[in-house]
């Protein structure tokens, strides 16, 4: 069973306890319209969606939560397997109920949204540069090494590093990133890799996109910074089926929802209004 506990304030924050005893914080923005449930990526948190919530406020409500090991849930409790995170998202959807019309996820969260969206009641899914397949041997070199370097720093040095490296981002996005990493360690990234056997080829959800049963919008970063190989993007385009649309952002990086916010938000608004 899943339980939810109010933390005070209508449409603000709540604590959600999952069926294995782990907990998360759900945050909601807006007071009218259907709900879009957002799922952040690695070393991010629910605060990654503040700008989108502001943009959609006239017609939609936005709900987001901290995935295990991130944000206000930085202490990892329970498994970090992909199927566990899909179950967590389904639990969040249960608390939202029939008002949820779409899922939106970035990176790791994009994979979670794609998997949960196939058999949920939501009408559509948006995946921002989702992690669909990780080649063997890549996780430690391209994901874990960066996390270990960041989280080895004491907080003040970590904050300075984040602010310096993300100086081109909008201030709200920078503050969201700082919220995500303030209490984190590299443990959840390491366990995502080990428990999903990623460096042995255990992360491959390309089949889940084939003939996707409802509208799916995939926003793909430029090939130099995308987590999707060119061949993976090509496969999604050819085998996704009539419900799948891929929009390429060839000049943007993996965090295109931050670095190309207006173009990203315009695509999302059009997608949601068409559901």
Foldseek 3Di string as FASTA:
>chain_A
DKDKADPDDPQAWIWIADPVGQIKIKHKAEDDAFEEEEEEDPLFFQLQCPVLQVVCRVHYMYMYMGDACWFPNVDHDDALELVVSLSVVVSVCVVRPPSHAEYEYAACGLVSRLVNVLPDPHQEYEYQLYQAWAEAPVLCVPPLVVQQVLQVDQQVVSLVVLCVVPVVWDPSNSVRSSSTPNPHHSVSSVRHCPVQVRNVGSRHRLVSQFCRPHAYEYEAEACVAGSDHPVSVVCSVVGNPPRYDYDYPNVGHSVCCTVVVVVVSVVVVVVVVVD
